[in-house]
Structures are given as C-alpha cells and as structure tokens.
C-alpha cells in the first residue's frame, strides 16, 4: 500500500493506493468548477485509481509521484496559491 499525505478542502488527510499500482501521477484541472490536483494510479490489470479534489501534496511524499507537483517560490502548491485570497 502506498500512502500519500494530501490536503483537501477540509484539511490534511491520507490517500492510499494498492500495491498493484505501478505509477502515481499528478495533474491539474477543474473538478466541479474548482481548480485542483488529481492523482491517478495506473494498474496493468485493472482500471485507474483516481483521487480528486486535492489542493496540495506533502513535500515529503512527492517522491512517490511520477511527476512533480507545481510549486510557487514559497513552497505552496500552485493550485492552493490560486485559491487563497491575496
């Protein structure tokens, strides 16, 4: 089991992907009109596993992703930075 600490609108939580997931990728987009990250776990023998509505991934868990999360210069995810009031 691969677990990643992620931030969702209601706070930090953990999402899990089963061992048969080969790679986990992060992509930006909109879900229900809101900007967010989507984590996608690829499996050879089954459908993708998708986690929606993510605002940030813990820096300590980013190494578990196939690609990097887009960060601002101060270390905030670009998604969260755009959602926070100026």
N, C-alpha and C. Protein backbone atom coordinates (compact mmCIF):
# COMPACT_ATOMS: atom_id res chain seq x y z
N UNK A 1 0.85 -1.18 0.00
CA UNK A 1 0.00 0.00 0.00
C UNK A 1 0.90 1.24 0.00
N UNK A 2 0.62 2.15 -0.90
CA UNK A 2 1.32 3.43 -0.95
C UNK A 2 0.38 4.49 -0.40
N UNK A 3 0.84 5.22 0.61
CA UNK A 3 0.03 6.27 1.21
C UNK A 3 0.69 7.62 0.99
N UNK A 4 -0.11 8.60 0.65
CA UNK A 4 0.36 9.96 0.48
C UNK A 4 -0.47 10.89 1.34
N UNK A 5 0.20 11.82 1.98
CA UNK A 5 -0.49 12.85 2.77
C UNK A 5 -0.83 13.99 1.82
N UNK A 6 -2.12 14.31 1.74
CA UNK A 6 -2.59 15.34 0.82
C UNK A 6 -3.49 16.32 1.55
N UNK A 7 -3.59 17.50 0.99
CA UNK A 7 -4.50 18.50 1.54
C UNK A 7 -5.72 18.57 0.64
N UNK A 8 -6.88 18.42 1.25
CA UNK A 8 -8.16 18.58 0.57
C UNK A 8 -8.83 19.81 1.17
N UNK A 9 -9.97 20.25 0.65
CA UNK A 9 -10.61 21.46 1.18
C UNK A 9 -10.88 21.43 2.68
N UNK A 10 -11.09 20.26 3.25
CA UNK A 10 -11.37 20.19 4.69
C UNK A 10 -10.13 19.90 5.54
N UNK A 11 -8.95 19.92 4.94
CA UNK A 11 -7.71 19.76 5.70
C UNK A 11 -6.85 18.61 5.20
N UNK A 12 -5.78 18.32 5.94
CA UNK A 12 -4.84 17.27 5.56
C UNK A 12 -5.43 15.90 5.86
N UNK A 13 -5.19 14.95 4.95
CA UNK A 13 -5.66 13.58 5.09
C UNK A 13 -4.69 12.66 4.35
N UNK A 14 -4.91 11.38 4.41
CA UNK A 14 -4.08 10.41 3.72
C UNK A 14 -4.91 9.70 2.67
N UNK A 15 -4.35 9.55 1.46
CA UNK A 15 -4.97 8.74 0.43
C UNK A 15 -4.08 7.54 0.18
N UNK A 16 -4.69 6.42 -0.14
CA UNK A 16 -3.95 5.17 -0.30
C UNK A 16 -4.15 4.58 -1.69
N UNK A 17 -3.09 4.00 -2.21
CA UNK A 17 -3.13 3.29 -3.48
C UNK A 17 -2.62 1.88 -3.23
N UNK A 18 -3.30 0.87 -3.77
CA UNK A 18 -2.87 -0.51 -3.54
C UNK A 18 -1.51 -0.81 -4.18
N UNK A 19 -0.88 -1.88 -3.72
CA UNK A 19 0.46 -2.24 -4.20
C UNK A 19 0.53 -2.48 -5.70
N UNK A 20 -0.58 -2.92 -6.32
CA UNK A 20 -0.53 -3.21 -7.75
C UNK A 20 -0.48 -1.95 -8.62
N UNK A 21 -0.56 -0.76 -8.01
CA UNK A 21 -0.42 0.49 -8.75
C UNK A 21 1.06 0.70 -9.05
N UNK A 22 1.37 0.80 -10.34
CA UNK A 22 2.77 0.97 -10.75
C UNK A 22 3.26 2.39 -10.59
N UNK A 23 2.50 3.35 -11.11
CA UNK A 23 2.89 4.76 -11.02
C UNK A 23 1.70 5.60 -10.58
N UNK A 24 2.02 6.68 -9.89
CA UNK A 24 1.00 7.65 -9.47
C UNK A 24 1.41 9.00 -10.05
N UNK A 25 0.51 9.61 -10.79
CA UNK A 25 0.79 10.90 -11.43
C UNK A 25 -0.13 11.97 -10.89
N UNK A 26 0.36 13.21 -10.91
CA UNK A 26 -0.43 14.37 -10.50
C UNK A 26 -0.71 15.23 -11.73
N UNK A 27 -1.95 15.69 -11.85
CA UNK A 27 -2.32 16.57 -12.95
C UNK A 27 -3.24 17.65 -12.40
N UNK A 28 -3.13 18.84 -12.95
CA UNK A 28 -4.01 19.93 -12.56
C UNK A 28 -5.24 19.97 -13.45
N UNK A 29 -6.30 20.51 -12.92
CA UNK A 29 -7.52 20.64 -13.71
C UNK A 29 -8.65 21.17 -12.86
N UNK A 30 -9.86 21.08 -13.36
CA UNK A 30 -11.02 21.54 -12.62
C UNK A 30 -11.94 20.36 -12.34
N UNK A 31 -12.45 20.31 -11.13
CA UNK A 31 -13.46 19.34 -10.74
C UNK A 31 -14.61 20.15 -10.16
N UNK A 32 -15.79 20.00 -10.71
CA UNK A 32 -16.96 20.76 -10.29
C UNK A 32 -16.68 22.26 -10.29
N UNK A 33 -15.93 22.71 -11.30
CA UNK A 33 -15.64 24.13 -11.45
C UNK A 33 -14.53 24.67 -10.57
N UNK A 34 -13.93 23.81 -9.73
CA UNK A 34 -12.86 24.24 -8.83
C UNK A 34 -11.51 23.74 -9.33
N UNK A 35 -10.50 24.57 -9.26
CA UNK A 35 -9.14 24.20 -9.61
C UNK A 35 -8.62 23.22 -8.57
N UNK A 36 -8.03 22.12 -9.00
CA UNK A 36 -7.50 21.15 -8.05
C UNK A 36 -6.50 20.24 -8.74
N UNK A 37 -5.84 19.41 -7.95
CA UNK A 37 -4.98 18.36 -8.47
C UNK A 37 -5.76 17.06 -8.46
N UNK A 38 -5.45 16.21 -9.41
CA UNK A 38 -6.00 14.86 -9.45
C UNK A 38 -4.82 13.90 -9.45
N UNK A 39 -4.84 12.93 -8.54
CA UNK A 39 -3.82 11.89 -8.53
C UNK A 39 -4.39 10.66 -9.22
N UNK A 40 -3.61 10.10 -10.13
CA UNK A 40 -4.05 8.93 -10.89
C UNK A 40 -3.05 7.81 -10.71
N UNK A 41 -3.53 6.67 -10.25
CA UNK A 41 -2.70 5.48 -10.09
C UNK A 41 -2.95 4.52 -11.23
N UNK A 42 -1.89 4.16 -11.96
CA UNK A 42 -2.01 3.26 -13.11
C UNK A 42 -1.78 1.82 -12.69
N UNK A 43 -2.65 0.93 -13.16
CA UNK A 43 -2.50 -0.51 -12.91
C UNK A 43 -2.49 -1.25 -14.24
N UNK A 44 -1.68 -2.31 -14.33
CA UNK A 44 -1.64 -3.12 -15.55
C UNK A 44 -2.90 -3.96 -15.71
N UNK A 45 -3.45 -4.42 -14.61
CA UNK A 45 -4.54 -5.40 -14.67
C UNK A 45 -5.91 -4.87 -14.26
N UNK A 46 -6.08 -3.58 -14.28
CA UNK A 46 -7.37 -3.05 -13.85
C UNK A 46 -7.50 -1.58 -14.20
N UNK A 47 -8.65 -1.01 -13.86
CA UNK A 47 -8.86 0.42 -14.15
C UNK A 47 -7.97 1.31 -13.29
N UNK A 48 -7.76 2.52 -13.76
CA UNK A 48 -7.00 3.51 -12.99
C UNK A 48 -7.71 3.80 -11.68
N UNK A 49 -6.93 4.19 -10.69
CA UNK A 49 -7.48 4.66 -9.43
C UNK A 49 -7.29 6.16 -9.41
N UNK A 50 -8.37 6.90 -9.19
CA UNK A 50 -8.33 8.36 -9.28
C UNK A 50 -8.75 8.98 -7.95
N UNK A 51 -7.93 9.92 -7.48
CA UNK A 51 -8.24 10.70 -6.27
C UNK A 51 -8.40 12.15 -6.72
N UNK A 52 -9.60 12.70 -6.54
CA UNK A 52 -9.94 14.05 -6.99
C UNK A 52 -9.92 15.05 -5.85
N UNK A 53 -9.92 16.33 -6.21
CA UNK A 53 -10.13 17.40 -5.23
C UNK A 53 -8.96 17.66 -4.31
N UNK A 54 -7.75 17.44 -4.78
CA UNK A 54 -6.56 17.62 -3.94
C UNK A 54 -5.99 19.02 -4.18
N UNK A 55 -5.66 19.69 -3.09
CA UNK A 55 -5.11 21.05 -3.18
C UNK A 55 -3.59 21.06 -3.06
N UNK A 56 -3.02 20.06 -2.41
CA UNK A 56 -1.58 20.03 -2.19
C UNK A 56 -1.16 18.61 -1.81
N UNK A 57 0.10 18.27 -2.07
CA UNK A 57 0.69 17.01 -1.66
C UNK A 57 1.85 17.33 -0.74
N UNK A 58 1.95 16.64 0.38
CA UNK A 58 3.04 16.85 1.32
C UNK A 58 4.37 16.72 0.58
N UNK A 59 5.26 17.69 0.77
CA UNK A 59 6.57 17.66 0.11
C UNK A 59 7.31 16.36 0.37
N UNK A 60 7.15 15.78 1.56
CA UNK A 60 7.84 14.54 1.91
C UNK A 60 7.31 13.34 1.14
N UNK A 61 6.15 13.45 0.52
CA UNK A 61 5.57 12.35 -0.24
C UNK A 61 5.67 12.55 -1.75
N UNK A 62 6.16 13.70 -2.17
CA UNK A 62 6.22 13.99 -3.61
C UNK A 62 7.10 12.99 -4.35
N UNK A 63 8.08 12.42 -3.70
CA UNK A 63 8.97 11.45 -4.37
C UNK A 63 8.21 10.18 -4.81
N UNK A 64 7.01 9.97 -4.27
CA UNK A 64 6.20 8.81 -4.64
C UNK A 64 5.45 9.03 -5.96
N UNK A 65 5.48 10.25 -6.47
CA UNK A 65 4.77 10.60 -7.70
C UNK A 65 5.69 10.46 -8.91
N UNK A 66 5.10 10.12 -10.04
CA UNK A 66 5.82 10.00 -11.30
C UNK A 66 6.33 11.37 -11.77
N UNK A 67 5.56 12.42 -11.49
CA UNK A 67 5.93 13.78 -11.88
C UNK A 67 5.86 14.68 -10.65
N UNK A 68 6.24 15.92 -10.83
CA UNK A 68 6.27 16.83 -9.68
C UNK A 68 4.99 17.65 -9.59
N UNK A 69 4.69 18.07 -8.38
CA UNK A 69 3.58 18.98 -8.13
C UNK A 69 4.07 20.39 -8.45
N UNK A 70 3.28 21.20 -9.15
CA UNK A 70 3.74 22.58 -9.42
C UNK A 70 3.71 23.41 -8.13
N UNK A 71 4.86 23.97 -7.77
CA UNK A 71 5.01 24.76 -6.54
C UNK A 71 5.31 26.21 -6.87
N UNK A 72 4.90 27.11 -5.99
CA UNK A 72 5.31 28.52 -6.09
C UNK A 72 6.68 28.64 -5.42
N UNK A 73 7.29 29.81 -5.49
CA UNK A 73 8.61 30.01 -4.89
C UNK A 73 8.62 29.81 -3.39
N UNK A 74 7.48 30.05 -2.71
CA UNK A 74 7.44 29.88 -1.25
C UNK A 74 7.05 28.47 -0.82
N UNK A 75 6.91 27.52 -1.79
CA UNK A 75 6.63 26.14 -1.44
C UNK A 75 5.17 25.77 -1.36
N UNK A 76 4.28 26.70 -1.75
CA UNK A 76 2.84 26.41 -1.78
C UNK A 76 2.51 25.80 -3.13
N UNK A 77 1.60 24.83 -3.18
CA UNK A 77 1.21 24.31 -4.48
C UNK A 77 0.56 25.43 -5.27
N UNK A 78 0.74 25.41 -6.58
CA UNK A 78 0.16 26.45 -7.44
C UNK A 78 -1.36 26.45 -7.30
N UNK A 79 -1.96 25.28 -7.18
CA UNK A 79 -3.42 25.18 -7.03
C UNK A 79 -3.87 25.92 -5.77
N UNK A 80 -3.26 25.61 -4.64
CA UNK A 80 -3.64 26.24 -3.38
C UNK A 80 -3.36 27.74 -3.42
N UNK A 81 -2.25 28.14 -4.00
CA UNK A 81 -1.89 29.55 -4.10
C UNK A 81 -2.95 30.34 -4.87
N UNK A 82 -3.49 29.75 -5.93
CA UNK A 82 -4.51 30.45 -6.73
C UNK A 82 -5.85 30.52 -6.02
N UNK A 83 -6.09 29.58 -5.11
CA UNK A 83 -7.37 29.58 -4.39
C UNK A 83 -7.37 30.47 -3.16
N UNK A 84 -6.17 30.74 -2.61
CA UNK A 84 -6.09 31.56 -1.40
C UNK A 84 -6.32 33.02 -1.75
N UNK A 85 -7.02 33.75 -0.89
CA UNK A 85 -7.22 35.18 -1.13
C UNK A 85 -5.89 35.92 -1.06
N UNK A 86 -5.75 36.93 -1.89
CA UNK A 86 -4.49 37.71 -1.94
C UNK A 86 -4.33 38.60 -0.75
